[in-house]
Amino acid sequence: MLIQLIGVGKLKEKYLVQGIQEYAKRLTPYIKFQMIEVADEKAPDTLSEAEVSIVKEREGERILAHVKESAHVVALAIGGQLWSSEELAAELDKLGTYGTSHVVFVIGGSHGLSDQVLRRAQQKLSFGRMTLPHQLMRLVLTEQIYRAVKINRGEPYHK
């Protein structure tokens, strides 16, 4: 199985990069895992709604340029479904068995995801109603993917 995580912006914080690298290394014996960073759109701190929409559309185009037609896309969105770790594991197992062996998780930038990306996604996933920095979310999601793989293999870690 190939799992890709596409995120907007370059991770700068060393502790986040190291954490993701650690979980990516742990995933190596089980699946192919890739993290893809797309450039964020440079914009001032205060934007009108129309300007925010333009920023999201441009970032969305960059995201979708990396998504193959055959990929199953899961967009992280506040309004998405809430899954437990076990439900994420079951979903990945189901996709690998019956759906596709290529899953793409998408994390938008500070303004969220474009409508185009949300329409492309077969599923929307939420980690709760709290707002988390999109950079930190990459680490949290990578850890949860590792946890899901361990759950599916019946191996210790997830308890």
Protein backbone atom coordinates (compact mmCIF):
# COMPACT_ATOMS: atom_id res chain seq x y z
CA MET A 1 0.00 0.00 0.00
CA LEU A 2 1.15 3.53 -0.79
CA ILE A 3 0.00 6.26 1.57
CA GLN A 4 0.83 9.83 0.70
CA LEU A 5 0.35 12.85 2.91
CA ILE A 6 0.13 16.12 1.00
CA GLY A 7 0.49 19.27 3.06
CA VAL A 8 0.60 22.96 2.21
CA GLY A 9 3.76 24.78 3.23
CA LYS A 10 7.24 23.69 4.22
CA LEU A 11 7.77 22.35 7.71
CA LYS A 12 10.33 24.51 9.46
CA GLU A 13 10.12 23.29 13.05
CA LYS A 14 12.84 20.72 13.66
CA TYR A 15 10.82 18.73 16.21
CA LEU A 16 7.95 18.24 13.74
CA VAL A 17 10.30 17.16 10.94
CA GLN A 18 12.06 14.72 13.28
CA GLY A 19 8.78 13.30 14.56
CA ILE A 20 7.44 12.70 11.06
CA GLN A 21 10.75 11.17 9.98
CA GLU A 22 10.63 8.79 12.93
CA TYR A 23 7.12 7.54 12.15
CA ALA A 24 7.92 7.36 8.41
CA LYS A 25 10.92 5.17 9.28
CA ARG A 26 8.74 2.94 11.47
CA LEU A 27 6.26 2.57 8.58
CA THR A 28 8.96 1.43 6.13
CA PRO A 29 8.64 -2.33 6.81
CA TYR A 30 4.87 -2.22 6.29
CA ILE A 31 3.85 0.31 3.65
CA LYS A 32 5.25 2.93 1.30
CA PHE A 33 4.79 6.34 2.89
CA GLN A 34 5.51 9.69 1.27
CA MET A 35 5.07 13.20 2.52
CA ILE A 36 4.69 15.81 -0.19
CA GLU A 37 4.91 19.52 0.57
CA VAL A 38 3.36 22.01 -1.81
CA ALA A 39 4.14 25.71 -1.65
CA ASP A 40 1.78 27.89 0.29
CA GLU A 41 0.44 30.99 -1.42
CA LYS A 42 2.17 34.11 -0.18
CA ALA A 43 -0.44 36.55 1.12
CA PRO A 44 -0.80 39.28 3.74
CA ASP A 45 -2.25 38.40 7.15
CA THR A 46 -5.56 40.12 6.49
CA LEU A 47 -7.47 39.04 3.41
CA SER A 48 -10.97 39.56 2.10
CA GLU A 49 -13.15 36.48 1.54
CA ALA A 50 -12.47 36.73 -2.20
CA GLU A 51 -8.71 36.82 -1.58
CA VAL A 52 -8.92 33.83 0.78
CA SER A 53 -10.78 31.95 -1.94
CA ILE A 54 -8.04 32.74 -4.45
CA VAL A 55 -5.34 31.57 -2.04
CA LYS A 56 -7.17 28.29 -1.42
CA GLU A 57 -7.74 27.73 -5.14
CA ARG A 58 -4.06 28.25 -5.97
CA GLU A 59 -2.94 25.96 -3.17
CA GLY A 60 -5.60 23.46 -4.25
CA GLU A 61 -4.23 23.39 -7.78
CA ARG A 62 -0.79 22.58 -6.38
CA ILE A 63 -2.25 19.79 -4.25
CA LEU A 64 -4.25 18.24 -7.08
CA ALA A 65 -1.20 18.26 -9.36
CA HIS A 66 0.19 15.50 -7.10
CA VAL A 67 -2.98 13.38 -6.90
CA LYS A 68 -3.24 10.50 -9.33
CA GLU A 69 -6.67 9.74 -10.77
CA SER A 70 -6.71 6.26 -9.21
CA ALA A 71 -5.92 7.52 -5.69
CA HIS A 72 -8.44 7.46 -2.87
CA VAL A 73 -8.35 10.94 -1.34
CA VAL A 74 -9.09 11.72 2.30
CA ALA A 75 -9.25 15.44 3.04
CA LEU A 76 -8.76 16.64 6.58
CA ALA A 77 -11.60 19.05 7.30
CA ILE A 78 -13.23 20.30 10.48
CA GLY A 79 -16.63 19.17 9.19
CA GLY A 80 -15.40 15.67 8.33
CA GLN A 81 -16.17 12.37 10.00
CA LEU A 82 -14.72 11.63 13.40
CA TRP A 83 -12.86 8.31 13.45
CA SER A 84 -11.23 6.50 16.32
CA SER A 85 -7.79 4.99 15.73
CA GLU A 86 -9.47 1.62 15.27
CA GLU A 87 -11.88 3.06 12.70
CA LEU A 88 -8.99 4.58 10.77
CA ALA A 89 -7.26 1.21 10.83
CA ALA A 90 -10.41 -0.53 9.59
CA GLU A 91 -10.85 2.02 6.81
CA LEU A 92 -7.25 1.60 5.61
CA ASP A 93 -7.64 -2.18 5.77
CA LYS A 94 -10.88 -2.02 3.78
CA LEU A 95 -9.34 0.27 1.17
CA GLY A 96 -6.30 -1.95 0.80
CA THR A 97 -8.41 -5.07 0.47
CA TYR A 98 -11.36 -3.89 -1.61
CA GLY A 99 -10.66 -0.41 -2.89
CA THR A 100 -7.29 0.94 -3.71
CA SER A 101 -3.74 0.47 -2.59
CA HIS A 102 -3.05 4.20 -3.05
CA VAL A 103 -4.44 6.53 -0.38
CA VAL A 104 -3.75 10.26 -0.25
CA PHE A 105 -4.40 12.31 2.89
CA VAL A 106 -4.60 16.07 2.25
CA ILE A 107 -3.98 18.79 4.81
CA GLY A 108 -4.66 22.34 3.68
CA GLY A 109 -2.89 25.51 4.61
CA SER A 110 -3.90 28.07 7.21
CA HIS A 111 -7.05 28.98 5.24
CA GLY A 112 -8.16 25.38 4.67
CA LEU A 113 -8.82 23.47 1.47
CA SER A 114 -10.34 24.66 -1.79
CA ASP A 115 -13.76 23.46 -2.88
CA GLN A 116 -12.06 21.69 -5.78
CA VAL A 117 -9.92 19.58 -3.40
CA LEU A 118 -12.91 18.85 -1.16
CA ARG A 119 -14.92 17.69 -4.19
CA ARG A 120 -12.06 15.42 -5.29
CA ALA A 121 -11.92 13.76 -1.87
CA GLN A 122 -13.89 10.56 -1.43
CA GLN A 123 -13.85 11.08 2.33
CA LYS A 124 -13.43 13.92 4.77
CA LEU A 125 -11.81 13.26 8.13
CA SER A 126 -11.85 15.45 11.21
CA PHE A 127 -9.65 15.11 14.26
CA GLY A 128 -12.18 17.05 16.31
CA ARG A 129 -13.64 20.50 16.63
CA MET A 130 -10.43 22.02 17.97
CA THR A 131 -8.28 23.94 15.54
CA LEU A 132 -4.77 22.56 15.30
CA PRO A 133 -1.87 24.08 13.38
CA HIS A 134 -1.70 22.41 9.98
CA GLN A 135 2.01 21.70 10.48
CA LEU A 136 1.35 19.85 13.76
CA MET A 137 -1.49 17.96 12.10
CA ARG A 138 1.02 16.32 9.76
CA LEU A 139 2.81 14.75 12.72
CA VAL A 140 -0.44 13.71 14.41
CA LEU A 141 -1.74 12.12 11.20
CA THR A 142 1.54 10.31 10.51
CA GLU A 143 1.47 8.85 14.02
CA GLN A 144 -2.14 7.76 13.54
CA ILE A 145 -1.29 6.06 10.24
CA TYR A 146 1.48 4.17 12.02
CA ARG A 147 -0.91 3.26 14.84
CA ALA A 148 -3.49 2.04 12.29
CA VAL A 149 -0.91 -0.17 10.58
CA LYS A 150 0.09 -1.69 13.92
CA ILE A 151 -3.57 -2.28 14.83
CA ASN A 152 -4.21 -4.01 11.50
CA ARG A 153 -1.19 -6.25 12.01
CA GLY A 154 -2.25 -7.13 15.56
CA GLU A 155 1.07 -5.86 16.85
CA PRO A 156 1.61 -4.01 20.12
CA TYR A 157 1.90 -0.22 20.23
CA HIS A 158 -1.62 1.12 20.10
CA LYS A 159 -2.68 0.44 23.69
